[in-house]
């Protein structure tokens, strides 16, 4: 019954570019931390390497990560210098790879500007404050396919019938059927509009007439309604920022795709991604 819109691509992009920022913004400093011959390595280089190596660093103790990063950057410079001396930059393989990383660098910088840097602390706080004003309702429902049966159930309820027993007997919603139709607390955006309208207009203990949705006919009972309780702001601040990033990323990609002509020469790649059985 609960439907929350998600963008797999947006989530992947945020994870790819923002994993480190979820806990703390990377230090963007030109402070020099090491030198190899006449080449300097800065804190900004360390931050970029940390973003690049995030998955490899997950199992590295925190007190060892900076040492791992500096060794990675030293080895990168040594190999780059050796490659330069052998004129690797003139090879076709290098040119193709350079083109690819040029696009990635443009992508990363553009993404930083349009997604990460576009979400302010004020945006995060406003999102939290707006959510704290939102109402939620504890509801039960009985879902059936036919309107006639739905009306018969409403009649039984008005005559004193037990909502829980009728839900267990008639409801076709497998998620709530065995719980007497109990959906717990919901907010309006978690359910289809017709269901939300009826559920929140009811008074405590009230039972609706049959409500039609694409799933069938619902008989809804409101158990109670309240202001949505939220955890303290500091405990959810990072998660709210992540959600806003995901939203920005989704909007950004969708808008760019609208003006682009994407042609799949490999028709297998054009097919929608099939989720494994049992996945949500």
C-alpha atoms as a PDB file:
ATOM      1  CA  UNK A   1       0.000   0.000   0.000  1.00  0.00           C
ATOM      2  CA  UNK A   2       2.876   2.406   0.545  1.00  0.00           C
ATOM      3  CA  UNK A   3       4.454   3.821  -2.607  1.00  0.00           C
ATOM      4  CA  UNK A   4       7.544   6.008  -2.367  1.00  0.00           C
ATOM      5  CA  UNK A   5       9.072   7.221  -5.644  1.00  0.00           C
ATOM      6  CA  UNK A   6      12.704   6.298  -6.082  1.00  0.00           C
ATOM      7  CA  UNK A   7      15.306   6.864  -8.778  1.00  0.00           C
ATOM      8  CA  UNK A   8      17.911   4.126  -8.901  1.00  0.00           C
ATOM      9  CA  UNK A   9      20.154   6.306 -11.038  1.00  0.00           C
ATOM     10  CA  UNK A  10      19.891   9.263  -8.672  1.00  0.00           C
ATOM     11  CA  UNK A  11      20.739   7.050  -5.716  1.00  0.00           C
ATOM     12  CA  UNK A  12      23.733   5.562  -7.550  1.00  0.00           C
ATOM     13  CA  UNK A  13      24.986   9.021  -8.492  1.00  0.00           C
ATOM     14  CA  UNK A  14      24.709  10.297  -4.940  1.00  0.00           C
ATOM     15  CA  UNK A  15      26.470   7.224  -3.588  1.00  0.00           C
ATOM     16  CA  UNK A  16      29.197   7.563  -6.222  1.00  0.00           C
ATOM     17  CA  UNK A  17      29.845  11.251  -5.654  1.00  0.00           C
ATOM     18  CA  UNK A  18      28.581  11.828  -2.148  1.00  0.00           C
ATOM     19  CA  UNK A  19      29.430   8.891   0.081  1.00  0.00           C
ATOM     20  CA  UNK A  20      32.007  10.877   1.990  1.00  0.00           C
ATOM     21  CA  UNK A  21      29.878  13.986   2.270  1.00  0.00           C
ATOM     22  CA  UNK A  22      27.137  12.032   4.056  1.00  0.00           C
ATOM     23  CA  UNK A  23      29.249  12.128   7.212  1.00  0.00           C
ATOM     24  CA  UNK A  24      31.358  15.217   6.604  1.00  0.00           C
ATOM     25  CA  UNK A  25      32.293  17.493   3.738  1.00  0.00           C
ATOM     26  CA  UNK A  26      35.783  16.681   2.395  1.00  0.00           C
ATOM     27  CA  UNK A  27      38.426  19.216   3.307  1.00  0.00           C
ATOM     28  CA  UNK A  28      39.023  21.504   0.328  1.00  0.00           C
ATOM     29  CA  UNK A  29      42.418  22.940   1.229  1.00  0.00           C
ATOM     30  CA  UNK A  30      45.580  23.681  -0.743  1.00  0.00           C
ATOM     31  CA  UNK A  31      47.729  22.814   2.267  1.00  0.00           C
ATOM     32  CA  UNK A  32      50.697  20.771   1.073  1.00  0.00           C
ATOM     33  CA  UNK A  33      51.058  17.401   2.831  1.00  0.00           C
ATOM     34  CA  UNK A  34      53.879  15.849   0.769  1.00  0.00           C
ATOM     35  CA  UNK A  35      56.272  16.438  -2.135  1.00  0.00           C
ATOM     36  CA  UNK A  36      57.610  14.048  -4.753  1.00  0.00           C
ATOM     37  CA  UNK A  37      60.512  15.755  -6.503  1.00  0.00           C
ATOM     38  CA  UNK A  38      58.958  19.068  -7.612  1.00  0.00           C
ATOM     39  CA  UNK A  39      55.319  17.881  -7.450  1.00  0.00           C
ATOM     40  CA  UNK A  40      53.171  18.739  -4.409  1.00  0.00           C
ATOM     41  CA  UNK A  41      50.301  16.745  -2.885  1.00  0.00           C
ATOM     42  CA  UNK A  42      47.641  18.775  -1.081  1.00  0.00           C
ATOM     43  CA  UNK A  43      44.760  18.109   1.263  1.00  0.00           C
ATOM     44  CA  UNK A  44      42.463  18.600  -1.733  1.00  0.00           C
ATOM     45  CA  UNK A  45      44.276  15.791  -3.539  1.00  0.00           C
ATOM     46  CA  UNK A  46      43.759  13.628  -0.442  1.00  0.00           C
ATOM     47  CA  UNK A  47      40.035  14.442  -0.374  1.00  0.00           C
ATOM     48  CA  UNK A  48      39.629  13.616  -4.053  1.00  0.00           C
ATOM     49  CA  UNK A  49      41.495  10.342  -3.638  1.00  0.00           C
ATOM     50  CA  UNK A  50      39.313   9.483  -0.651  1.00  0.00           C
ATOM     51  CA  UNK A  51      36.189  10.005  -2.742  1.00  0.00           C
ATOM     52  CA  UNK A  52      37.647   7.922  -5.561  1.00  0.00           C
ATOM     53  CA  UNK A  53      38.702   5.082  -3.228  1.00  0.00           C
ATOM     54  CA  UNK A  54      35.671   5.104  -0.937  1.00  0.00           C
ATOM     55  CA  UNK A  55      34.707   1.454  -1.473  1.00  0.00           C
ATOM     56  CA  UNK A  56      38.272   0.229  -0.997  1.00  0.00           C
ATOM     57  CA  UNK A  57      38.625   2.215   2.245  1.00  0.00           C
ATOM     58  CA  UNK A  58      35.506   0.838   3.940  1.00  0.00           C
ATOM     59  CA  UNK A  59      37.424  -1.929   5.687  1.00  0.00           C
ATOM     60  CA  UNK A  60      40.532   0.160   6.410  1.00  0.00           C
ATOM     61  CA  UNK A  61      40.771   1.423  10.031  1.00  0.00           C
ATOM     62  CA  UNK A  62      40.155   5.165  10.194  1.00  0.00           C
ATOM     63  CA  UNK A  63      43.550   5.859  11.760  1.00  0.00           C
ATOM     64  CA  UNK A  64      45.236   4.182   8.762  1.00  0.00           C
ATOM     65  CA  UNK A  65      43.256   5.775   5.929  1.00  0.00           C
ATOM     66  CA  UNK A  66      45.375   8.888   5.481  1.00  0.00           C
ATOM     67  CA  UNK A  67      48.506   6.760   5.238  1.00  0.00           C
ATOM     68  CA  UNK A  68      46.862   4.550   2.613  1.00  0.00           C
ATOM     69  CA  UNK A  69      45.768   7.636   0.660  1.00  0.00           C
ATOM     70  CA  UNK A  70      49.175   9.325   0.679  1.00  0.00           C
ATOM     71  CA  UNK A  71      50.885   6.132  -0.462  1.00  0.00           C
ATOM     72  CA  UNK A  72      48.320   5.817  -3.271  1.00  0.00           C
ATOM     73  CA  UNK A  73      48.980   9.399  -4.377  1.00  0.00           C
ATOM     74  CA  UNK A  74      52.765   8.953  -4.203  1.00  0.00           C
ATOM     75  CA  UNK A  75      52.580   5.794  -6.301  1.00  0.00           C
ATOM     76  CA  UNK A  76      50.267   7.563  -8.758  1.00  0.00           C
ATOM     77  CA  UNK A  77      52.785  10.370  -9.229  1.00  0.00           C
ATOM     78  CA  UNK A  78      55.750   8.001  -9.582  1.00  0.00           C
ATOM     79  CA  UNK A  79      53.938   5.954 -12.230  1.00  0.00           C
ATOM     80  CA  UNK A  80      52.714   9.096 -13.997  1.00  0.00           C
ATOM     81  CA  UNK A  81      56.237  10.478 -14.152  1.00  0.00           C
ATOM     82  CA  UNK A  82      57.633   7.198 -15.503  1.00  0.00           C
ATOM     83  CA  UNK A  83      54.871   7.091 -18.116  1.00  0.00           C
ATOM     84  CA  UNK A  84      55.598  10.675 -19.134  1.00  0.00           C
ATOM     85  CA  UNK A  85      59.283   9.890 -19.609  1.00  0.00           C
ATOM     86  CA  UNK A  86      58.341   7.018 -21.925  1.00  0.00           C
ATOM     87  CA  UNK A  87      55.976   9.320 -23.862  1.00  0.00           C
ATOM     88  CA  UNK A  88      52.925   7.203 -23.028  1.00  0.00           C
ATOM     89  CA  UNK A  89      50.805  10.323 -23.540  1.00  0.00           C
ATOM     90  CA  UNK A  90      51.361   9.990 -27.293  1.00  0.00           C
ATOM     91  CA  UNK A  91      49.810   6.509 -27.463  1.00  0.00           C
ATOM     92  CA  UNK A  92      46.281   5.882 -28.732  1.00  0.00           C
ATOM     93  CA  UNK A  93      45.399   4.011 -25.562  1.00  0.00           C
ATOM     94  CA  UNK A  94      46.241   7.055 -23.454  1.00  0.00           C
ATOM     95  CA  UNK A  95      44.284   9.424 -25.667  1.00  0.00           C
ATOM     96  CA  UNK A  96      41.150   7.290 -25.461  1.00  0.00           C
ATOM     97  CA  UNK A  97      41.477   7.011 -21.692  1.00  0.00           C
ATOM     98  CA  UNK A  98      42.137  10.738 -21.381  1.00  0.00           C
ATOM     99  CA  UNK A  99      38.924  11.498 -23.284  1.00  0.00           C
ATOM    100  CA  UNK A 100      36.985   9.246 -20.939  1.00  0.00           C
ATOM    101  CA  UNK A 101      38.435  10.808 -17.771  1.00  0.00           C
ATOM    102  CA  UNK A 102      37.932  14.276 -19.214  1.00  0.00           C
ATOM    103  CA  UNK A 103      34.210  13.543 -19.459  1.00  0.00           C
ATOM    104  CA  UNK A 104      34.233  12.146 -15.919  1.00  0.00           C
ATOM    105  CA  UNK A 105      35.984  15.245 -14.571  1.00  0.00           C
ATOM    106  CA  UNK A 106      33.427  17.477 -16.267  1.00  0.00           C
ATOM    107  CA  UNK A 107      30.608  15.281 -14.939  1.00  0.00           C
ATOM    108  CA  UNK A 108      31.946  15.331 -11.379  1.00  0.00           C
ATOM    109  CA  UNK A 109      32.495  19.092 -11.312  1.00  0.00           C
ATOM    110  CA  UNK A 110      29.075  19.798 -12.837  1.00  0.00           C
ATOM    111  CA  UNK A 111      27.411  17.376 -10.426  1.00  0.00           C
ATOM    112  CA  UNK A 112      29.107  19.034  -7.447  1.00  0.00           C
ATOM    113  CA  UNK A 113      27.791  22.425  -8.552  1.00  0.00           C
ATOM    114  CA  UNK A 114      24.245  21.401  -9.510  1.00  0.00           C
ATOM    115  CA  UNK A 115      23.574  18.851  -6.769  1.00  0.00           C
ATOM    116  CA  UNK A 116      25.827  19.000  -3.707  1.00  0.00           C
ATOM    117  CA  UNK A 117      26.477  22.729  -3.666  1.00  0.00           C
ATOM    118  CA  UNK A 118      22.840  23.567  -4.460  1.00  0.00           C
ATOM    119  CA  UNK A 119      21.492  22.125  -1.188  1.00  0.00           C
ATOM    120  CA  UNK A 120      22.052  24.519   1.703  1.00  0.00           C
ATOM    121  CA  UNK A 121      21.755  24.003   5.447  1.00  0.00           C
ATOM    122  CA  UNK A 122      18.678  26.237   5.283  1.00  0.00           C
ATOM    123  CA  UNK A 123      17.105  23.866   2.740  1.00  0.00           C
ATOM    124  CA  UNK A 124      17.722  20.926   5.066  1.00  0.00           C
ATOM    125  CA  UNK A 125      16.237  22.733   8.084  1.00  0.00           C
ATOM    126  CA  UNK A 126      13.174  23.866   6.112  1.00  0.00           C
ATOM    127  CA  UNK A 127      12.542  20.297   4.954  1.00  0.00           C
ATOM    128  CA  UNK A 128      12.689  19.131   8.573  1.00  0.00           C
ATOM    129  CA  UNK A 129      10.425  21.931   9.805  1.00  0.00           C
ATOM    130  CA  UNK A 130       7.873  21.253   7.069  1.00  0.00           C
ATOM    131  CA  UNK A 131       7.868  17.538   7.921  1.00  0.00           C
ATOM    132  CA  UNK A 132       7.330  18.296  11.613  1.00  0.00           C
ATOM    133  CA  UNK A 133       4.070  20.088  10.723  1.00  0.00           C
ATOM    134  CA  UNK A 134       2.792  17.145   8.719  1.00  0.00           C
ATOM    135  CA  UNK A 135      -0.057  15.028  10.036  1.00  0.00           C
ATOM    136  CA  UNK A 136      -0.048  11.249  10.105  1.00  0.00           C
ATOM    137  CA  UNK A 137      -2.942   8.886  10.618  1.00  0.00           C
ATOM    138  CA  UNK A 138      -3.079   5.405  12.083  1.00  0.00           C
ATOM    139  CA  UNK A 139      -5.447   3.493   9.814  1.00  0.00           C
ATOM    140  CA  UNK A 140      -6.874   0.075   9.125  1.00  0.00           C
ATOM    141  CA  UNK A 141      -8.342  -0.959   5.797  1.00  0.00           C
ATOM    142  CA  UNK A 142     -10.137  -3.788   4.091  1.00  0.00           C
ATOM    143  CA  UNK A 143      -9.372  -4.146   0.388  1.00  0.00           C
ATOM    144  CA  UNK A 144     -11.734  -6.043  -1.928  1.00  0.00           C
ATOM    145  CA  UNK A 145     -12.143  -6.269  -5.692  1.00  0.00           C
ATOM    146  CA  UNK A 146     -15.889  -5.685  -5.993  1.00  0.00           C
ATOM    147  CA  UNK A 147     -17.809  -2.557  -4.960  1.00  0.00           C
ATOM    148  CA  UNK A 148     -20.854  -4.665  -4.030  1.00  0.00           C
ATOM    149  CA  UNK A 149     -18.872  -6.653  -1.467  1.00  0.00           C
ATOM    150  CA  UNK A 150     -17.297  -3.445  -0.144  1.00  0.00           C
ATOM    151  CA  UNK A 151     -20.764  -1.968   0.490  1.00  0.00           C
ATOM    152  CA  UNK A 152     -21.883  -5.160   2.233  1.00  0.00           C
ATOM    153  CA  UNK A 153     -18.859  -4.974   4.555  1.00  0.00           C
ATOM    154  CA  UNK A 154     -19.566  -1.315   5.342  1.00  0.00           C
ATOM    155  CA  UNK A 155     -23.117  -2.323   6.266  1.00  0.00           C
ATOM    156  CA  UNK A 156     -21.839  -5.023   8.625  1.00  0.00           C
ATOM    157  CA  UNK A 157     -19.443  -2.570  10.261  1.00  0.00           C
ATOM    158  CA  UNK A 158     -22.208  -0.007  10.805  1.00  0.00           C
ATOM    159  CA  UNK A 159     -24.236  -2.774  12.432  1.00  0.00           C
ATOM    160  CA  UNK A 160     -21.424  -3.387  14.921  1.00  0.00           C
ATOM    161  CA  UNK A 161     -19.258  -5.866  13.000  1.00  0.00           C
ATOM    162  CA  UNK A 162     -15.657  -6.427  14.083  1.00  0.00           C
ATOM    163  CA  UNK A 163     -13.292  -4.622  11.690  1.00  0.00           C
ATOM    164  CA  UNK A 164     -10.353  -6.918  12.432  1.00  0.00           C
ATOM    165  CA  UNK A 165     -12.312 -10.121  11.786  1.00  0.00           C
ATOM    166  CA  UNK A 166     -13.877  -8.774   8.594  1.00  0.00           C
ATOM    167  CA  UNK A 167     -10.434  -7.735   7.334  1.00  0.00           C
ATOM    168  CA  UNK A 168      -9.003 -11.178   8.032  1.00  0.00           C
ATOM    169  CA  UNK A 169     -11.983 -12.767   6.254  1.00  0.00           C
ATOM    170  CA  UNK A 170     -12.306 -10.545   3.164  1.00  0.00           C
ATOM    171  CA  UNK A 171      -9.246  -8.350   2.563  1.00  0.00           C
ATOM    172  CA  UNK A 172      -7.042  -9.150  -0.426  1.00  0.00           C
ATOM    173  CA  UNK A 173      -4.144  -7.011   0.831  1.00  0.00           C
ATOM    174  CA  UNK A 174      -1.613  -9.655   1.965  1.00  0.00           C
ATOM    175  CA  UNK A 175       0.485  -7.119   3.848  1.00  0.00           C
ATOM    176  CA  UNK A 176      -2.238  -6.109   6.300  1.00  0.00           C
ATOM    177  CA  UNK A 177      -4.829  -8.913   6.101  1.00  0.00           C
ATOM    178  CA  UNK A 178      -3.342 -10.985   8.933  1.00  0.00           C
ATOM    179  CA  UNK A 179      -3.019  -7.857  11.073  1.00  0.00           C
ATOM    180  CA  UNK A 180      -6.706  -7.047  10.934  1.00  0.00           C
ATOM    181  CA  UNK A 181      -6.154  -4.552   8.149  1.00  0.00           C
ATOM    182  CA  UNK A 182      -3.731  -2.469  10.225  1.00  0.00           C
ATOM    183  CA  UNK A 183      -1.426  -0.244   8.146  1.00  0.00           C
ATOM    184  CA  UNK A 184       0.081   1.606  11.091  1.00  0.00           C
ATOM    185  CA  UNK A 185       0.751   5.335  10.769  1.00  0.00           C
ATOM    186  CA  UNK A 186       0.803   6.814   7.268  1.00  0.00           C
ATOM    187  CA  UNK A 187       1.318  10.260   5.773  1.00  0.00           C
ATOM    188  CA  UNK A 188      -0.630  11.480   2.766  1.00  0.00           C
ATOM    189  CA  UNK A 189       2.246  11.097   0.304  1.00  0.00           C
ATOM    190  CA  UNK A 190       2.724   7.405   1.117  1.00  0.00           C
ATOM    191  CA  UNK A 191      -0.592   6.250  -0.313  1.00  0.00           C
ATOM    192  CA  UNK A 192      -2.692   6.899  -3.411  1.00  0.00           C
ATOM    193  CA  UNK A 193      -4.602  10.245  -3.359  1.00  0.00           C
ATOM    194  CA  UNK A 194      -8.111   8.795  -3.045  1.00  0.00           C
ATOM    195  CA  UNK A 195      -7.054   6.699  -0.048  1.00  0.00           C
ATOM    196  CA  UNK A 196      -5.243   9.627   1.599  1.00  0.00           C
ATOM    197  CA  UNK A 197      -8.192  11.991   1.184  1.00  0.00           C
ATOM    198  CA  UNK A 198     -10.646   9.577   2.808  1.00  0.00           C
ATOM    199  CA  UNK A 199      -8.299   8.483   5.598  1.00  0.00           C
ATOM    200  CA  UNK A 200      -7.443  11.996   6.752  1.00  0.00           C
ATOM    201  CA  UNK A 201     -10.982  13.372   6.493  1.00  0.00           C
ATOM    202  CA  UNK A 202     -12.327  10.724   8.878  1.00  0.00           C
ATOM    203  CA  UNK A 203     -12.679  11.402  12.576  1.00  0.00           C
ATOM    204  CA  UNK A 204     -11.128   9.156  15.190  1.00  0.00           C
ATOM    205  CA  UNK A 205     -12.868   5.779  15.008  1.00  0.00           C
ATOM    206  CA  UNK A 206     -14.683   6.733  11.796  1.00  0.00           C
ATOM    207  CA  UNK A 207     -15.232   4.297   8.931  1.00  0.00           C
ATOM    208  CA  UNK A 208     -15.349   5.346   5.287  1.00  0.00           C
ATOM    209  CA  UNK A 209     -17.659   4.395   2.480  1.00  0.00           C
ATOM    210  CA  UNK A 210     -15.931   2.277  -0.204  1.00  0.00           C
ATOM    211  CA  UNK A 211     -12.971   4.172  -1.701  1.00  0.00           C
ATOM    212  CA  UNK A 212     -11.887   3.221  -5.211  1.00  0.00           C
ATOM    213  CA  UNK A 213      -8.237   2.984  -6.259  1.00  0.00           C
ATOM    214  CA  UNK A 214      -6.312   1.038  -8.872  1.00  0.00           C
ATOM    215  CA  UNK A 215      -6.064  -1.798  -6.338  1.00  0.00           C
ATOM    216  CA  UNK A 216      -9.802  -2.208  -5.786  1.00  0.00           C
ATOM    217  CA  UNK A 217     -12.200  -0.864  -3.145  1.00  0.00           C
ATOM    218  CA  UNK A 218     -11.018   0.132   0.331  1.00  0.00           C
ATOM    219  CA  UNK A 219     -13.000   0.402   3.537  1.00  0.00           C
ATOM    220  CA  UNK A 220     -10.909   2.596   5.816  1.00  0.00           C
ATOM    221  CA  UNK A 221     -11.032   3.070   9.575  1.00  0.00           C
ATOM    222  CA  UNK A 222      -9.092   5.862  11.235  1.00  0.00           C
ATOM    223  CA  UNK A 223      -7.694   4.776  14.605  1.00  0.00           C
ATOM    224  CA  UNK A 224      -6.145   8.161  15.420  1.00  0.00           C
ATOM    225  CA  UNK A 225      -4.498  11.195  13.853  1.00  0.00           C
ATOM    226  CA  UNK A 226      -1.579  13.250  15.155  1.00  0.00           C
ATOM    227  CA  UNK A 227       1.268  15.564  14.233  1.00  0.00           C
ATOM    228  CA  UNK A 228       4.095  13.501  12.838  1.00  0.00           C
ATOM    229  CA  UNK A 229       6.744  12.912  15.545  1.00  0.00           C
ATOM    230  CA  UNK A 230      10.313  13.290  14.295  1.00  0.00           C
ATOM    231  CA  UNK A 231      13.718  12.437  15.750  1.00  0.00           C
ATOM    232  CA  UNK A 232      15.845  15.405  16.899  1.00  0.00           C
ATOM    233  CA  UNK A 233      17.125  17.433  13.946  1.00  0.00           C
ATOM    234  CA  UNK A 234      20.859  16.688  14.463  1.00  0.00           C
ATOM    235  CA  UNK A 235      20.223  12.932  14.243  1.00  0.00           C
ATOM    236  CA  UNK A 236      18.522  13.140  10.827  1.00  0.00           C
ATOM    237  CA  UNK A 237      20.243  16.174   9.308  1.00  0.00           C
ATOM    238  CA  UNK A 238      22.680  14.132   7.189  1.00  0.00           C
ATOM    239  CA  UNK A 239      19.945  11.788   5.973  1.00  0.00           C
ATOM    240  CA  UNK A 240      17.693  14.711   4.947  1.00  0.00           C
ATOM    241  CA  UNK A 241      20.562  16.213   2.972  1.00  0.00           C
ATOM    242  CA  UNK A 242      21.076  12.877   1.225  1.00  0.00           C
ATOM    243  CA  UNK A 243      17.380  12.729   0.277  1.00  0.00           C
ATOM    244  CA  UNK A 244      17.527  16.277  -1.108  1.00  0.00           C
ATOM    245  CA  UNK A 245      20.649  15.366  -3.094  1.00  0.00           C
ATOM    246  CA  UNK A 246      18.842  12.365  -4.550  1.00  0.00           C
ATOM    247  CA  UNK A 247      15.905  14.548  -5.541  1.00  0.00           C
ATOM    248  CA  UNK A 248      18.200  17.112  -7.162  1.00  0.00           C
ATOM    249  CA  UNK A 249      20.102  14.363  -8.993  1.00  0.00           C
ATOM    250  CA  UNK A 250      16.904  12.791 -10.290  1.00  0.00           C
ATOM    251  CA  UNK A 251      15.563  16.124 -11.559  1.00  0.00           C
ATOM    252  CA  UNK A 252      18.910  16.988 -13.140  1.00  0.00           C
ATOM    253  CA  UNK A 253      19.232  13.724 -15.077  1.00  0.00           C
ATOM    254  CA  UNK A 254      15.578  13.705 -16.151  1.00  0.00           C
ATOM    255  CA  UNK A 255      15.815  17.263 -17.490  1.00  0.00           C
ATOM    256  CA  UNK A 256      19.038  16.550 -19.380  1.00  0.00           C
ATOM    257  CA  UNK A 257      17.621  13.395 -20.964  1.00  0.00           C
ATOM    258  CA  UNK A 258      14.607  15.341 -22.254  1.00  0.00           C
ATOM    259  CA  UNK A 259      16.816  17.388 -24.560  1.00  0.00           C
ATOM    260  CA  UNK A 260      19.214  14.607 -25.580  1.00  0.00           C
ATOM    261  CA  UNK A 261      18.852  12.022 -28.335  1.00  0.00           C
ATOM    262  CA  UNK A 262      19.896   8.673 -26.892  1.00  0.00           C
ATOM    263  CA  UNK A 263      20.242   5.865 -29.430  1.00  0.00           C
ATOM    264  CA  UNK A 264      20.998   2.266 -28.443  1.00  0.00           C
ATOM    265  CA  UNK A 265      22.933   0.431 -31.133  1.00  0.00           C
ATOM    266  CA  UNK A 266      23.080  -2.615 -28.866  1.00  0.00           C
ATOM    267  CA  UNK A 267      19.341  -3.315 -28.497  1.00  0.00           C
ATOM    268  CA  UNK A 268      19.921  -5.478 -25.409  1.00  0.00           C
ATOM    269  CA  UNK A 269      20.949  -2.322 -23.539  1.00  0.00           C
ATOM    270  CA  UNK A 270      17.658  -0.675 -24.452  1.00  0.00           C
ATOM    271  CA  UNK A 271      15.610  -3.205 -22.494  1.00  0.00           C
ATOM    272  CA  UNK A 272      14.310  -2.137 -19.033  1.00  0.00           C
ATOM    273  CA  UNK A 273      16.274  -3.434 -16.081  1.00  0.00           C
ATOM    274  CA  UNK A 274      14.572  -6.498 -14.622  1.00  0.00           C
ATOM    275  CA  UNK A 275      14.608  -6.680 -10.840  1.00  0.00           C
ATOM    276  CA  UNK A 276      15.432 -10.059  -9.287  1.00  0.00           C
ATOM    277  CA  UNK A 277      12.491 -11.922  -7.836  1.00  0.00           C
ATOM    278  CA  UNK A 278      11.715 -10.924  -4.287  1.00  0.00           C
ATOM    279  CA  UNK A 279      13.320  -7.479  -4.604  1.00  0.00           C
ATOM    280  CA  UNK A 280      11.355  -4.366  -3.697  1.00  0.00           C
END
